[in-house]
Amino acid sequence: MSEPRLQGLGPVLDADTRLIVLGSFPGVASLRAQQYYGHPQNAFWKILGELWGLPLAQRPYAERVQALREHGLGLWDVYASCEREGSLDSDIREPVLNDLASLRQHCPRLEAIAHNGGESFRHARHTRALGLPVYRLPSTSPANAGWSFQRKREAWAEVLRRHGVARP
């Protein structure tokens, strides 16, 4: 019996996006909620909230997305669809890539791309082809227990500050 074919989420980006964060593929909680980083234990919204001085983790999703846009940060995933049971990247099968080459046309102010975790970073050759700086950030997933919250926050802060997406 094959695993279910899953469709990812659409991009959160616009003409003012300066930095885009690419995850691998949404987990079960995110797909169910139709929200990026929807698992309550994922550190993504907490990290951004601390860097921006906003209680993002407690805000409605629409307000979180608005904050992303106001700060010039975009979100998307490397995979448009895949087969997978559960939420682990290691269980992803038969993935189909998103059209990463289209990022430059949709985001004319794009300065850099940051991959959220190792599975996303496996596709850095596609993002490097855009001629922009490409970063590998530690995964904000609760499965990445080898990094403390503080260590993740500092790594993320360095990249976001470098591109004016978080204050110095």
Protein backbone atom coordinates (compact mmCIF):
# COMPACT_ATOMS: atom_id res chain seq x y z
CA MET A 1 0.00 0.00 0.00
CA SER A 2 1.42 3.37 -0.96
CA GLU A 3 1.58 6.43 1.21
CA PRO A 4 -0.91 9.27 0.62
CA ARG A 5 -0.02 11.93 -1.97
CA LEU A 6 0.12 15.26 -0.16
CA GLN A 7 -0.02 18.79 -1.59
CA GLY A 8 2.02 21.54 0.05
CA LEU A 9 1.06 25.10 0.89
CA GLY A 10 1.25 28.06 -1.47
CA PRO A 11 4.07 30.58 -1.12
CA VAL A 12 3.90 33.55 1.23
CA LEU A 13 5.86 36.19 -0.67
CA ASP A 14 5.42 39.38 -2.64
CA ALA A 15 7.36 42.01 -4.57
CA ASP A 16 8.87 43.35 -1.31
CA THR A 17 10.24 40.00 -0.09
CA ARG A 18 13.98 40.39 0.61
CA LEU A 19 14.69 37.03 2.22
CA ILE A 20 12.81 33.80 1.71
CA VAL A 21 12.86 30.84 4.08
CA LEU A 22 12.41 27.49 2.38
CA GLY A 23 11.29 24.55 4.46
CA SER A 24 11.10 21.01 3.13
CA PHE A 25 7.40 20.16 3.29
CA PRO A 26 4.71 20.95 5.90
CA GLY A 27 4.15 18.47 8.68
CA VAL A 28 0.80 16.92 9.51
CA ALA A 29 -0.22 19.71 11.92
CA SER A 30 0.67 22.41 9.36
CA LEU A 31 -1.24 20.70 6.56
CA ARG A 32 -4.25 20.16 8.80
CA ALA A 33 -4.25 23.86 9.81
CA GLN A 34 -3.19 25.04 6.32
CA GLN A 35 -0.54 27.17 8.04
CA TYR A 36 3.23 27.23 7.82
CA TYR A 37 4.90 25.99 11.01
CA GLY A 38 1.57 24.98 12.52
CA HIS A 39 2.95 22.51 15.07
CA PRO A 40 2.86 24.22 18.49
CA GLN A 41 6.34 22.89 19.35
CA ASN A 42 7.98 24.25 16.18
CA ALA A 43 10.23 27.17 17.18
CA PHE A 44 9.76 29.18 13.96
CA TRP A 45 7.12 31.68 15.17
CA LYS A 46 8.69 31.96 18.61
CA ILE A 47 12.10 32.81 17.11
CA LEU A 48 10.65 35.46 14.80
CA GLY A 49 8.52 36.84 17.64
CA GLU A 50 11.59 37.32 19.80
CA LEU A 51 13.59 38.90 16.96
CA TRP A 52 10.75 41.27 16.06
CA GLY A 53 9.47 41.96 19.58
CA LEU A 54 6.03 40.57 18.71
CA PRO A 55 4.01 37.77 20.37
CA LEU A 56 3.66 35.99 17.02
CA ALA A 57 3.08 32.51 18.46
CA GLN A 58 -0.07 33.82 20.18
CA ARG A 59 -1.37 35.81 17.20
CA PRO A 60 -3.83 34.55 14.58
CA TYR A 61 -2.16 33.15 11.48
CA ALA A 62 -3.30 36.06 9.27
CA GLU A 63 -1.47 38.47 11.59
CA ARG A 64 1.65 36.31 11.49
CA VAL A 65 1.62 36.38 7.69
CA GLN A 66 1.12 40.16 7.75
CA ALA A 67 4.17 40.51 10.02
CA LEU A 68 6.21 38.42 7.56
CA ARG A 69 5.24 40.75 4.72
CA GLU A 70 5.96 43.87 6.78
CA HIS A 71 9.46 42.58 7.56
CA GLY A 72 10.27 41.46 4.00
CA LEU A 73 10.37 37.75 4.88
CA GLY A 74 8.83 35.12 2.61
CA LEU A 75 8.01 31.45 3.19
CA TRP A 76 7.75 28.48 0.91
CA ASP A 77 8.91 24.87 0.72
CA VAL A 78 11.23 23.10 -1.67
CA TYR A 79 8.62 20.40 -2.29
CA ALA A 80 5.24 21.08 -3.90
CA SER A 81 4.00 17.57 -3.15
CA CYS A 82 5.19 14.22 -1.87
CA GLU A 83 4.11 10.94 -0.36
CA ARG A 84 4.65 10.61 3.37
CA GLU A 85 3.20 9.01 6.48
CA GLY A 86 3.66 11.26 9.51
CA SER A 87 5.75 14.42 9.57
CA LEU A 88 9.39 13.37 9.38
CA ASP A 89 11.50 14.53 6.44
CA SER A 90 13.14 11.12 6.39
CA ASP A 91 9.76 9.62 5.43
CA ILE A 92 9.28 11.83 2.34
CA ARG A 93 8.89 9.76 -0.83
CA GLU A 94 8.43 10.73 -4.48
CA PRO A 95 8.79 14.49 -3.90
CA VAL A 96 8.03 17.02 -6.63
CA LEU A 97 9.99 20.29 -6.43
CA ASN A 98 8.36 23.69 -6.40
CA ASP A 99 9.37 26.08 -9.21
CA LEU A 100 12.21 27.67 -7.25
CA ALA A 101 13.54 29.37 -10.39
CA SER A 102 10.41 31.57 -10.38
CA LEU A 103 11.42 33.26 -7.13
CA ARG A 104 13.40 36.03 -8.85
CA GLN A 105 10.42 37.08 -11.01
CA HIS A 106 7.96 37.05 -8.10
CA CYS A 107 10.36 38.76 -5.68
CA PRO A 108 12.38 41.43 -7.53
CA ARG A 109 13.93 42.69 -4.25
CA LEU A 110 15.03 39.20 -3.18
CA GLU A 111 18.52 39.32 -1.62
CA ALA A 112 18.98 35.83 -0.20
CA ILE A 113 17.49 32.41 0.43
CA ALA A 114 17.63 30.53 3.73
CA HIS A 115 16.93 26.82 3.95
CA ASN A 116 15.20 25.72 7.17
CA GLY A 117 16.99 22.46 7.89
CA GLY A 118 18.95 19.81 6.07
CA GLU A 119 16.26 18.31 3.84
CA SER A 120 15.51 21.72 2.36
CA PHE A 121 19.23 22.47 2.00
CA ARG A 122 19.68 19.32 -0.10
CA HIS A 123 18.26 21.46 -2.92
CA ALA A 124 20.65 24.38 -2.46
CA ARG A 125 22.03 23.79 -5.96
CA HIS A 126 18.67 24.98 -7.31
CA THR A 127 18.60 28.08 -5.15
CA ARG A 128 22.29 28.90 -5.72
CA ALA A 129 21.50 28.95 -9.46
CA LEU A 130 19.53 32.16 -8.75
CA GLY A 131 22.83 33.96 -8.05
CA LEU A 132 21.95 34.96 -4.48
CA PRO A 133 23.49 34.12 -1.11
CA VAL A 134 22.11 30.81 0.19
CA TYR A 135 22.14 29.84 3.87
CA ARG A 136 21.52 26.65 5.79
CA LEU A 137 19.69 27.39 9.01
CA PRO A 138 19.09 24.88 11.80
CA SER A 139 15.66 23.32 11.53
CA THR A 140 13.06 24.89 13.80
CA SER A 141 11.30 21.51 13.99
CA PRO A 142 10.90 19.85 17.38
CA ALA A 143 12.63 16.85 15.78
CA ASN A 144 15.85 18.94 15.80
CA ALA A 145 16.44 18.41 19.51
CA GLY A 146 20.23 18.60 19.09
CA TRP A 147 20.02 22.40 18.96
CA SER A 148 18.76 24.41 21.93
CA PHE A 149 16.18 27.12 21.30
CA GLN A 150 18.79 29.79 22.09
CA ARG A 151 21.29 28.32 19.64
CA LYS A 152 18.65 28.15 16.88
CA ARG A 153 17.58 31.73 17.65
CA GLU A 154 21.13 33.06 17.36
CA ALA A 155 21.76 31.29 14.04
CA TRP A 156 18.50 32.65 12.64
CA ALA A 157 19.16 36.15 14.01
CA GLU A 158 22.52 36.35 12.25
CA VAL A 159 21.04 35.66 8.81
CA LEU A 160 17.90 37.78 9.27
CA ARG A 161 19.93 40.74 10.52
CA ARG A 162 22.37 40.45 7.63
CA HIS A 163 19.51 41.08 5.22
CA GLY A 164 17.64 43.73 7.21
CA VAL A 165 14.80 41.39 8.20
CA ALA A 166 15.58 41.72 11.93
CA ARG A 167 16.98 44.70 13.80
CA PRO A 168 20.67 44.64 14.77
